[in-house]
C-alpha cells in the first residue's frame, strides 16, 4: 500500500455552534452530547486549548488581568482556526466557551468564516450552576456565579438562550437543535 496526498476538505459542514454559559451550566457535557448526534462532528473544548499552554498560561480571574484577557482571545482564535478547519472538512464543530462580553462574541463571529455561527447560551441560573459545580469532579477554586448577571446584561438579545435548569442533557440537546435548526443524523 502506498500513501498519497488526499484532499482534506470536502463538502463543508452547515456552520458551527458556539455553546456558552457560566461554569456549571452544562456547556462541556451538552457540547459533547450535541456533537455525538451528528455523523461528522467535533467538540472543541476551549478550556482544553488553554491547557495546551505549558508555561505562561493565565486562566481568567475575577481580578483585572490583562494577560489572562489576552489569552482568552488567543484560545478563542485557536478554537476558530480549528472550527473553520473542521467545517471545511465536513465536520460540524461544537465550540464550548464562557463568552461574557460582546467583544468576545464579535471576535468569534469575525473569525469563524465557514458558514453560520449558531450562538447558544445555556442559562440554568447561578444557583443551579453552583449546585452542579459542587456535584462534579472538576473543582473550581473561584465562585463564578456573578457571571450569570454579567452575561444576561452584556449579551441580552444575542443568540438563543436556553434555560436548562430542569432539562436533562438529551432534552437540552433537543432544545439546541430546535433553536438552531440544525438537523442531526
N, C-alpha and C. Protein backbone atom coordinates (compact mmCIF):
# COMPACT_ATOMS: atom_id res chain seq x y z
N UNK A 1 0.84 -1.18 0.00
CA UNK A 1 0.00 0.00 0.00
C UNK A 1 0.88 1.24 0.00
N UNK A 2 0.58 2.17 -0.85
CA UNK A 2 1.33 3.41 -0.87
C UNK A 2 0.44 4.54 -0.40
N UNK A 3 1.08 5.50 0.21
CA UNK A 3 0.35 6.66 0.71
C UNK A 3 0.47 7.78 -0.30
N UNK A 4 -0.60 8.42 -0.57
CA UNK A 4 -0.57 9.59 -1.44
C UNK A 4 -1.37 10.69 -0.76
N UNK A 5 -1.07 11.88 -1.14
CA UNK A 5 -1.79 13.01 -0.55
C UNK A 5 -3.24 12.99 -1.05
N UNK A 6 -4.14 13.10 -0.12
CA UNK A 6 -5.56 13.12 -0.46
C UNK A 6 -6.14 14.46 -0.01
N UNK A 7 -7.17 14.94 -0.67
CA UNK A 7 -7.76 16.21 -0.23
C UNK A 7 -8.39 16.06 1.15
N UNK A 8 -8.16 17.05 1.97
CA UNK A 8 -8.72 17.06 3.32
C UNK A 8 -10.13 17.64 3.30
N UNK A 9 -10.28 18.70 2.55
CA UNK A 9 -11.59 19.38 2.52
C UNK A 9 -12.55 18.64 1.61
N UNK A 10 -13.80 18.79 1.94
CA UNK A 10 -14.88 18.12 1.23
C UNK A 10 -16.08 19.08 1.21
N UNK A 11 -17.26 18.56 1.09
CA UNK A 11 -18.45 19.40 1.22
C UNK A 11 -18.46 19.99 2.63
N UNK A 12 -18.48 21.31 2.76
CA UNK A 12 -18.40 21.90 4.10
C UNK A 12 -19.62 21.57 4.98
N UNK A 13 -19.38 21.59 6.26
CA UNK A 13 -20.46 21.40 7.24
C UNK A 13 -21.37 22.63 7.22
N UNK A 14 -22.51 22.50 7.86
CA UNK A 14 -23.53 23.56 7.87
C UNK A 14 -23.25 24.61 8.94
N UNK A 15 -22.01 25.07 9.03
CA UNK A 15 -21.67 26.10 10.01
C UNK A 15 -21.07 25.52 11.26
N UNK A 16 -21.20 26.27 12.35
CA UNK A 16 -20.61 25.89 13.63
C UNK A 16 -21.55 26.32 14.75
N UNK A 17 -21.37 25.68 15.91
CA UNK A 17 -22.14 26.04 17.09
C UNK A 17 -21.16 26.56 18.14
N UNK A 18 -21.47 27.70 18.73
CA UNK A 18 -20.75 28.22 19.88
C UNK A 18 -21.68 28.12 21.07
N UNK A 19 -21.36 27.21 21.98
CA UNK A 19 -22.18 26.95 23.16
C UNK A 19 -21.54 27.63 24.36
N UNK A 20 -22.28 28.52 24.99
CA UNK A 20 -21.74 29.30 26.10
C UNK A 20 -22.61 29.14 27.33
N UNK A 21 -22.16 29.70 28.41
CA UNK A 21 -22.84 29.67 29.70
C UNK A 21 -21.80 29.79 30.79
N UNK A 22 -22.25 30.06 31.99
CA UNK A 22 -21.30 30.18 33.10
C UNK A 22 -20.80 28.79 33.50
N UNK A 23 -19.69 28.70 34.23
CA UNK A 23 -19.25 27.40 34.71
C UNK A 23 -20.36 26.70 35.49
N UNK A 24 -20.59 25.43 35.15
CA UNK A 24 -21.66 24.66 35.78
C UNK A 24 -22.96 24.67 35.00
N UNK A 25 -23.00 25.41 33.89
CA UNK A 25 -24.23 25.48 33.09
C UNK A 25 -24.45 24.23 32.25
N UNK A 26 -23.41 23.44 32.07
CA UNK A 26 -23.53 22.21 31.30
C UNK A 26 -22.90 22.28 29.92
N UNK A 27 -22.09 23.29 29.66
CA UNK A 27 -21.51 23.50 28.33
C UNK A 27 -20.79 22.27 27.78
N UNK A 28 -19.82 21.79 28.52
CA UNK A 28 -18.99 20.68 28.02
C UNK A 28 -19.80 19.41 27.83
N UNK A 29 -20.66 19.11 28.78
CA UNK A 29 -21.49 17.90 28.69
C UNK A 29 -22.45 17.99 27.51
N UNK A 30 -23.12 19.13 27.38
CA UNK A 30 -24.08 19.30 26.29
C UNK A 30 -23.35 19.38 24.95
N UNK A 31 -22.21 20.06 24.90
CA UNK A 31 -21.46 20.15 23.64
C UNK A 31 -21.06 18.77 23.15
N UNK A 32 -20.56 17.92 24.04
CA UNK A 32 -20.17 16.56 23.65
C UNK A 32 -21.39 15.76 23.19
N UNK A 33 -22.50 15.89 23.90
CA UNK A 33 -23.72 15.16 23.53
C UNK A 33 -24.30 15.68 22.21
N UNK A 34 -24.22 16.99 22.00
CA UNK A 34 -24.70 17.57 20.74
C UNK A 34 -23.85 17.06 19.59
N UNK A 35 -22.54 17.12 19.72
CA UNK A 35 -21.65 16.64 18.66
C UNK A 35 -21.90 15.17 18.36
N UNK A 36 -22.21 14.39 19.38
CA UNK A 36 -22.45 12.95 19.19
C UNK A 36 -23.70 12.67 18.36
N UNK A 37 -24.57 13.63 18.20
CA UNK A 37 -25.80 13.44 17.41
C UNK A 37 -25.54 13.51 15.90
N UNK A 38 -24.37 13.98 15.50
CA UNK A 38 -24.06 14.15 14.08
C UNK A 38 -23.09 13.07 13.61
N UNK A 39 -23.21 12.69 12.34
CA UNK A 39 -22.33 11.67 11.77
C UNK A 39 -20.89 12.16 11.66
N UNK A 40 -20.71 13.46 11.47
CA UNK A 40 -19.38 14.05 11.35
C UNK A 40 -19.37 15.34 12.16
N UNK A 41 -18.68 15.33 13.27
CA UNK A 41 -18.68 16.49 14.16
C UNK A 41 -17.41 16.49 15.00
N UNK A 42 -17.18 17.61 15.67
CA UNK A 42 -16.04 17.76 16.58
C UNK A 42 -16.46 18.62 17.76
N UNK A 43 -16.00 18.25 18.93
CA UNK A 43 -16.23 19.04 20.13
C UNK A 43 -14.93 19.76 20.44
N UNK A 44 -14.97 21.08 20.41
CA UNK A 44 -13.79 21.90 20.70
C UNK A 44 -14.00 22.53 22.07
N UNK A 45 -13.34 21.99 23.07
CA UNK A 45 -13.45 22.49 24.43
C UNK A 45 -12.35 23.53 24.64
N UNK A 46 -12.73 24.78 24.75
CA UNK A 46 -11.76 25.86 24.80
C UNK A 46 -10.86 25.76 26.03
N UNK A 47 -11.38 25.24 27.14
CA UNK A 47 -10.51 25.04 28.31
C UNK A 47 -9.37 24.09 27.97
N UNK A 48 -9.62 23.08 27.14
CA UNK A 48 -8.56 22.14 26.75
C UNK A 48 -7.49 22.85 25.91
N UNK A 49 -7.90 23.84 25.13
CA UNK A 49 -6.92 24.62 24.37
C UNK A 49 -6.04 25.44 25.31
N UNK A 50 -6.63 25.98 26.37
CA UNK A 50 -5.85 26.73 27.36
C UNK A 50 -4.82 25.81 28.02
N UNK A 51 -5.21 24.56 28.25
CA UNK A 51 -4.31 23.60 28.90
C UNK A 51 -3.13 23.19 28.01
N UNK A 52 -3.18 23.52 26.72
CA UNK A 52 -2.05 23.24 25.84
C UNK A 52 -0.85 24.12 26.17
N UNK A 53 -1.10 25.25 26.81
CA UNK A 53 0.00 26.15 27.19
C UNK A 53 0.76 25.49 28.34
N UNK A 54 2.04 25.22 28.11
CA UNK A 54 2.86 24.53 29.10
C UNK A 54 3.39 25.49 30.16
N UNK A 55 3.86 26.65 29.74
CA UNK A 55 4.34 27.65 30.68
C UNK A 55 3.81 29.01 30.26
N UNK A 56 3.45 29.81 31.21
CA UNK A 56 2.99 31.17 30.93
C UNK A 56 1.49 31.30 30.77
N UNK A 57 0.78 30.20 30.91
CA UNK A 57 -0.67 30.26 30.78
C UNK A 57 -1.31 30.99 31.94
N UNK A 58 -2.31 31.78 31.64
CA UNK A 58 -3.04 32.51 32.68
C UNK A 58 -4.52 32.26 32.47
N UNK A 59 -5.15 31.66 33.46
CA UNK A 59 -6.59 31.42 33.41
C UNK A 59 -7.33 32.70 33.77
N UNK A 60 -8.53 32.86 33.24
CA UNK A 60 -9.33 34.03 33.61
C UNK A 60 -9.52 34.10 35.12
N UNK A 61 -9.61 35.32 35.63
CA UNK A 61 -9.86 35.52 37.05
C UNK A 61 -10.78 36.73 37.21
N UNK A 62 -11.45 36.81 38.34
CA UNK A 62 -12.34 37.97 38.56
C UNK A 62 -11.57 39.29 38.63
N UNK A 63 -10.30 39.23 39.03
CA UNK A 63 -9.49 40.45 39.08
C UNK A 63 -9.03 40.79 37.67
N UNK A 64 -8.87 42.06 37.40
CA UNK A 64 -8.40 42.51 36.08
C UNK A 64 -7.00 41.98 35.84
N UNK A 65 -6.83 41.22 34.78
CA UNK A 65 -5.54 40.63 34.42
C UNK A 65 -5.41 40.72 32.90
N UNK A 66 -4.63 41.68 32.44
CA UNK A 66 -4.51 41.94 31.01
C UNK A 66 -3.99 40.71 30.26
N UNK A 67 -3.05 39.99 30.85
CA UNK A 67 -2.50 38.81 30.17
C UNK A 67 -3.53 37.69 30.09
N UNK A 68 -4.29 37.48 31.14
CA UNK A 68 -5.36 36.47 31.09
C UNK A 68 -6.40 36.86 30.04
N UNK A 69 -6.72 38.14 29.96
CA UNK A 69 -7.68 38.61 28.95
C UNK A 69 -7.14 38.37 27.54
N UNK A 70 -5.85 38.62 27.33
CA UNK A 70 -5.23 38.37 26.02
C UNK A 70 -5.34 36.89 25.67
N UNK A 71 -5.11 36.04 26.66
CA UNK A 71 -5.17 34.61 26.40
C UNK A 71 -6.59 34.10 26.16
N UNK A 72 -7.60 34.80 26.68
CA UNK A 72 -8.99 34.46 26.35
C UNK A 72 -9.18 34.57 24.84
N UNK A 73 -8.64 35.63 24.25
CA UNK A 73 -8.77 35.82 22.81
C UNK A 73 -7.83 34.89 22.04
N UNK A 74 -6.70 34.55 22.60
CA UNK A 74 -5.80 33.58 21.96
C UNK A 74 -6.47 32.22 21.84
N UNK A 75 -7.07 31.77 22.92
CA UNK A 75 -7.72 30.46 22.87
C UNK A 75 -8.96 30.51 21.98
N UNK A 76 -9.66 31.64 21.95
CA UNK A 76 -10.79 31.79 21.03
C UNK A 76 -10.31 31.75 19.58
N UNK A 77 -9.20 32.42 19.30
CA UNK A 77 -8.65 32.38 17.94
C UNK A 77 -8.31 30.95 17.54
N UNK A 78 -7.66 30.22 18.45
CA UNK A 78 -7.30 28.84 18.15
C UNK A 78 -8.55 27.97 17.96
N UNK A 79 -9.58 28.21 18.75
CA UNK A 79 -10.84 27.48 18.58
C UNK A 79 -11.44 27.78 17.21
N UNK A 80 -11.37 29.04 16.78
CA UNK A 80 -11.92 29.42 15.48
C UNK A 80 -11.13 28.79 14.33
N UNK A 81 -9.81 28.74 14.47
CA UNK A 81 -9.00 28.09 13.44
C UNK A 81 -9.38 26.62 13.31
N UNK A 82 -9.51 25.95 14.45
CA UNK A 82 -9.94 24.56 14.43
C UNK A 82 -11.34 24.41 13.86
N UNK A 83 -12.25 25.27 14.29
CA UNK A 83 -13.63 25.20 13.82
C UNK A 83 -13.69 25.35 12.30
N UNK A 84 -13.00 26.35 11.76
CA UNK A 84 -13.01 26.55 10.31
C UNK A 84 -12.41 25.34 9.58
N UNK A 85 -11.35 24.77 10.14
CA UNK A 85 -10.75 23.59 9.54
C UNK A 85 -11.73 22.42 9.51
N UNK A 86 -12.43 22.21 10.63
CA UNK A 86 -13.41 21.14 10.68
C UNK A 86 -14.59 21.39 9.73
N UNK A 87 -15.07 22.63 9.68
CA UNK A 87 -16.17 22.96 8.76
C UNK A 87 -15.77 22.61 7.33
N UNK A 88 -14.58 23.04 6.93
CA UNK A 88 -14.11 22.78 5.57
C UNK A 88 -13.98 21.30 5.24
N UNK A 89 -13.72 20.51 6.27
CA UNK A 89 -13.57 19.07 6.09
C UNK A 89 -14.89 18.32 6.28
N UNK A 90 -15.99 19.07 6.46
CA UNK A 90 -17.30 18.45 6.55
C UNK A 90 -17.73 18.04 7.94
N UNK A 91 -17.03 18.51 8.96
CA UNK A 91 -17.38 18.18 10.35
C UNK A 91 -18.02 19.40 11.02
N UNK A 92 -19.15 19.20 11.67
CA UNK A 92 -19.80 20.30 12.40
C UNK A 92 -19.05 20.52 13.71
N UNK A 93 -18.41 21.67 13.89
CA UNK A 93 -17.73 21.92 15.16
C UNK A 93 -18.69 22.49 16.20
N UNK A 94 -18.57 21.98 17.41
CA UNK A 94 -19.32 22.50 18.55
C UNK A 94 -18.27 23.03 19.53
N UNK A 95 -18.19 24.34 19.62
CA UNK A 95 -17.21 25.01 20.48
C UNK A 95 -17.88 25.33 21.80
N UNK A 96 -17.23 24.98 22.92
CA UNK A 96 -17.78 25.41 24.21
C UNK A 96 -16.81 26.34 24.90
N UNK A 97 -17.33 27.50 25.27
CA UNK A 97 -16.51 28.54 25.89
C UNK A 97 -17.41 29.44 26.73
N UNK A 98 -16.84 30.03 27.75
CA UNK A 98 -17.55 31.03 28.54
C UNK A 98 -17.38 32.37 27.83
N UNK A 99 -18.43 32.82 27.18
CA UNK A 99 -18.41 34.09 26.46
C UNK A 99 -19.29 35.05 27.24
N UNK A 100 -18.66 36.08 27.79
CA UNK A 100 -19.38 37.01 28.66
C UNK A 100 -19.56 38.37 28.00
N UNK A 101 -18.60 38.78 27.19
CA UNK A 101 -18.61 40.13 26.62
C UNK A 101 -18.98 40.13 25.14
N UNK A 102 -19.63 41.20 24.72
CA UNK A 102 -19.98 41.35 23.30
C UNK A 102 -18.74 41.34 22.42
N UNK A 103 -17.65 41.91 22.90
CA UNK A 103 -16.41 41.94 22.12
C UNK A 103 -15.90 40.52 21.87
N UNK A 104 -16.05 39.66 22.84
CA UNK A 104 -15.64 38.25 22.72
C UNK A 104 -16.51 37.55 21.69
N UNK A 105 -17.81 37.75 21.76
CA UNK A 105 -18.74 37.16 20.79
C UNK A 105 -18.46 37.71 19.40
N UNK A 106 -18.24 39.01 19.28
CA UNK A 106 -17.95 39.62 17.98
C UNK A 106 -16.68 39.02 17.38
N UNK A 107 -15.70 38.75 18.23
CA UNK A 107 -14.45 38.13 17.78
C UNK A 107 -14.75 36.76 17.15
N UNK A 108 -15.54 35.94 17.85
CA UNK A 108 -15.93 34.64 17.30
C UNK A 108 -16.65 34.82 15.96
N UNK A 109 -17.55 35.75 15.90
CA UNK A 109 -18.32 35.95 14.66
C UNK A 109 -17.43 36.38 13.51
N UNK A 110 -16.42 37.19 13.79
CA UNK A 110 -15.49 37.62 12.73
C UNK A 110 -14.55 36.50 12.31
N UNK A 111 -14.13 35.70 13.26
CA UNK A 111 -13.10 34.71 12.98
C UNK A 111 -13.62 33.42 12.34
N UNK A 112 -14.81 33.00 12.67
CA UNK A 112 -15.35 31.76 12.09
C UNK A 112 -15.99 32.13 10.76
N UNK A 113 -15.32 31.73 9.70
CA UNK A 113 -15.75 32.13 8.36
C UNK A 113 -16.56 31.04 7.67
N UNK A 114 -16.46 29.81 8.14
CA UNK A 114 -17.08 28.68 7.44
C UNK A 114 -18.54 28.48 7.78
N UNK A 115 -19.42 29.26 7.20
CA UNK A 115 -20.85 29.07 7.42
C UNK A 115 -21.36 29.84 8.61
N UNK A 116 -22.65 29.69 8.90
CA UNK A 116 -23.23 30.45 10.01
C UNK A 116 -22.71 29.96 11.37
N UNK A 117 -22.60 30.91 12.28
CA UNK A 117 -22.24 30.59 13.66
C UNK A 117 -23.50 30.65 14.50
N UNK A 118 -23.90 29.51 15.05
CA UNK A 118 -25.08 29.43 15.91
C UNK A 118 -24.62 29.65 17.35
N UNK A 119 -24.98 30.80 17.93
CA UNK A 119 -24.59 31.13 19.29
C UNK A 119 -25.72 30.73 20.24
N UNK A 120 -25.41 29.83 21.17
CA UNK A 120 -26.40 29.32 22.12
C UNK A 120 -25.85 29.48 23.53
N UNK A 121 -26.66 30.05 24.41
CA UNK A 121 -26.28 30.23 25.81
C UNK A 121 -27.13 29.30 26.67
N UNK A 122 -26.45 28.46 27.44
CA UNK A 122 -27.15 27.65 28.44
C UNK A 122 -27.27 28.50 29.69
N UNK A 123 -28.50 28.70 30.15
CA UNK A 123 -28.76 29.64 31.24
C UNK A 123 -29.62 29.02 32.34
N UNK A 124 -29.03 28.10 33.13
CA UNK A 124 -29.81 27.47 34.19
C UNK A 124 -29.98 28.36 35.42
N UNK A 125 -29.28 29.49 35.45
CA UNK A 125 -29.27 30.36 36.63
C UNK A 125 -28.07 30.07 37.51
N UNK A 126 -27.66 31.08 38.25
CA UNK A 126 -26.45 30.97 39.08
C UNK A 126 -26.59 29.90 40.15
N UNK A 127 -27.75 29.79 40.78
CA UNK A 127 -27.92 28.82 41.87
C UNK A 127 -27.78 27.39 41.35
N UNK A 128 -28.43 27.09 40.23
CA UNK A 128 -28.36 25.74 39.66
C UNK A 128 -26.95 25.42 39.18
N UNK A 129 -26.30 26.38 38.54
CA UNK A 129 -24.92 26.17 38.09
C UNK A 129 -24.00 25.93 39.29
N UNK A 130 -24.20 26.67 40.36
CA UNK A 130 -23.40 26.46 41.58
C UNK A 130 -23.62 25.08 42.16
N UNK A 131 -24.85 24.63 42.17
CA UNK A 131 -25.19 23.29 42.65
C UNK A 131 -24.48 22.23 41.79
N UNK A 132 -24.50 22.41 40.49
CA UNK A 132 -23.82 21.47 39.58
C UNK A 132 -22.31 21.49 39.79
N UNK A 133 -21.75 22.67 40.02
CA UNK A 133 -20.31 22.77 40.26
C UNK A 133 -19.89 21.95 41.47
N UNK A 134 -20.71 21.98 42.52
CA UNK A 134 -20.38 21.22 43.73
C UNK A 134 -20.47 19.71 43.51
N UNK A 135 -21.27 19.29 42.54
CA UNK A 135 -21.50 17.86 42.31
C UNK A 135 -20.53 17.23 41.32
N UNK A 136 -19.69 18.01 40.66
CA UNK A 136 -18.84 17.43 39.62
C UNK A 136 -17.41 17.23 40.09
N UNK A 137 -16.68 16.45 39.31
CA UNK A 137 -15.29 16.13 39.64
C UNK A 137 -14.37 17.33 39.47
N UNK A 138 -14.67 18.18 38.50
CA UNK A 138 -13.86 19.35 38.22
C UNK A 138 -14.09 20.39 39.31
N UNK A 139 -13.09 20.63 40.13
CA UNK A 139 -13.23 21.56 41.25
C UNK A 139 -12.85 22.97 40.82
N UNK A 140 -13.75 23.90 41.03
CA UNK A 140 -13.47 25.30 40.75
C UNK A 140 -13.01 25.98 42.02
N UNK A 141 -11.95 26.77 41.90
CA UNK A 141 -11.44 27.47 43.08
C UNK A 141 -12.03 28.87 43.19
N UNK A 142 -12.77 29.29 42.19
CA UNK A 142 -13.37 30.62 42.17
C UNK A 142 -14.88 30.50 41.99
N UNK A 143 -15.62 31.32 42.70
CA UNK A 143 -17.07 31.37 42.53
C UNK A 143 -17.36 32.29 41.34
N UNK A 144 -17.85 31.70 40.26
CA UNK A 144 -18.12 32.44 39.04
C UNK A 144 -19.59 32.80 38.88
N UNK A 145 -20.38 32.66 39.92
CA UNK A 145 -21.82 32.88 39.80
C UNK A 145 -22.17 34.31 39.36
N UNK A 146 -21.30 35.27 39.67
CA UNK A 146 -21.56 36.65 39.27
C UNK A 146 -21.61 36.81 37.75
N UNK A 147 -21.02 35.86 37.02
CA UNK A 147 -21.04 35.94 35.56
C UNK A 147 -22.44 35.77 34.98
N UNK A 148 -23.34 35.14 35.74
CA UNK A 148 -24.70 34.96 35.26
C UNK A 148 -25.35 36.33 34.97
N UNK A 149 -25.25 37.22 35.94
CA UNK A 149 -25.81 38.57 35.76
C UNK A 149 -25.05 39.33 34.68
N UNK A 150 -23.73 39.20 34.67
CA UNK A 150 -22.93 39.89 33.67
C UNK A 150 -23.29 39.44 32.26
N UNK A 151 -23.46 38.13 32.06
CA UNK A 151 -23.81 37.62 30.73
C UNK A 151 -25.19 38.08 30.31
N UNK A 152 -26.14 38.00 31.24
CA UNK A 152 -27.51 38.39 30.91
C UNK A 152 -27.58 39.88 30.53
N UNK A 153 -26.75 40.70 31.16
CA UNK A 153 -26.72 42.13 30.86
C UNK A 153 -25.97 42.39 29.55
N UNK A 154 -24.77 41.87 29.45
CA UNK A 154 -23.90 42.16 28.31
C UNK A 154 -24.39 41.52 27.01
N UNK A 155 -24.96 40.33 27.08
CA UNK A 155 -25.32 39.60 25.87
C UNK A 155 -26.83 39.53 25.61
N UNK A 156 -27.58 40.38 26.29
CA UNK A 156 -29.04 40.39 26.08
C UNK A 156 -29.35 40.57 24.60
N UNK A 157 -30.25 39.74 24.10
CA UNK A 157 -30.65 39.83 22.70
C UNK A 157 -29.73 39.13 21.72
N UNK A 158 -28.66 38.53 22.21
CA UNK A 158 -27.71 37.84 21.34
C UNK A 158 -27.97 36.34 21.37
N UNK A 159 -28.03 35.72 20.24
CA UNK A 159 -28.14 34.27 20.14
C UNK A 159 -29.44 33.72 20.72
N UNK A 160 -29.37 32.46 21.08
CA UNK A 160 -30.51 31.74 21.65
C UNK A 160 -30.17 31.38 23.09
N UNK A 161 -31.09 31.66 24.00
CA UNK A 161 -30.90 31.36 25.42
C UNK A 161 -31.80 30.20 25.81
N UNK A 162 -31.22 29.20 26.45
CA UNK A 162 -31.97 28.03 26.86
C UNK A 162 -31.84 27.85 28.37
N UNK A 163 -32.96 27.90 29.06
CA UNK A 163 -32.97 27.63 30.50
C UNK A 163 -32.98 26.11 30.66
N UNK A 164 -31.82 25.55 30.98
CA UNK A 164 -31.69 24.10 31.10
C UNK A 164 -31.62 23.64 32.55
N UNK A 165 -32.13 24.47 33.46
CA UNK A 165 -32.08 24.13 34.89
C UNK A 165 -32.78 22.81 35.19
N UNK A 166 -33.89 22.57 34.54
CA UNK A 166 -34.67 21.36 34.81
C UNK A 166 -34.66 20.37 33.64
N UNK A 167 -33.80 20.60 32.66
CA UNK A 167 -33.74 19.72 31.49
C UNK A 167 -32.63 18.69 31.66
N UNK A 168 -32.86 17.50 31.11
CA UNK A 168 -31.80 16.51 31.03
C UNK A 168 -30.83 16.94 29.93
N UNK A 169 -29.70 16.26 29.84
CA UNK A 169 -28.75 16.56 28.77
C UNK A 169 -29.42 16.34 27.41
N UNK A 170 -30.11 15.21 27.25
CA UNK A 170 -30.78 14.91 25.98
C UNK A 170 -31.83 15.96 25.64
N UNK A 171 -32.60 16.40 26.62
CA UNK A 171 -33.61 17.43 26.38
C UNK A 171 -32.95 18.77 26.01
N UNK A 172 -31.82 19.06 26.62
CA UNK A 172 -31.09 20.29 26.29
C UNK A 172 -30.57 20.23 24.86
N UNK A 173 -30.02 19.08 24.47
CA UNK A 173 -29.55 18.91 23.09
C UNK A 173 -30.72 19.08 22.12
N UNK A 174 -31.86 18.49 22.43
CA UNK A 174 -33.05 18.65 21.59
C UNK A 174 -33.42 20.13 21.46
N UNK A 175 -33.34 20.86 22.56
CA UNK A 175 -33.67 22.30 22.55
C UNK A 175 -32.67 23.07 21.69
N UNK A 176 -31.39 22.71 21.76
CA UNK A 176 -30.37 23.37 20.93
C UNK A 176 -30.64 23.11 19.45
N UNK A 177 -30.95 21.85 19.13
CA UNK A 177 -31.24 21.51 17.73
C UNK A 177 -32.47 22.27 17.22
N UNK A 178 -33.50 22.33 18.04
CA UNK A 178 -34.71 23.05 17.65
C UNK A 178 -34.43 24.54 17.46
N UNK A 179 -33.64 25.12 18.34
CA UNK A 179 -33.35 26.55 18.29
C UNK A 179 -32.46 26.94 17.12
N UNK A 180 -31.54 26.06 16.75
CA UNK A 180 -30.59 26.38 15.68
C UNK A 180 -31.09 25.96 14.31
N UNK A 181 -32.02 25.02 14.28
CA UNK A 181 -32.48 24.49 13.00
C UNK A 181 -31.54 23.46 12.39
N UNK A 182 -30.51 23.09 13.13
CA UNK A 182 -29.59 22.06 12.64
C UNK A 182 -30.28 20.70 12.69
N UNK A 183 -29.97 19.85 11.74
CA UNK A 183 -30.58 18.54 11.66
C UNK A 183 -29.54 17.49 11.99
N UNK A 184 -29.77 16.75 13.07
CA UNK A 184 -28.86 15.69 13.46
C UNK A 184 -29.14 14.44 12.64
N UNK A 185 -28.18 13.55 12.63
CA UNK A 185 -28.32 12.30 11.89
C UNK A 185 -29.04 11.23 12.69
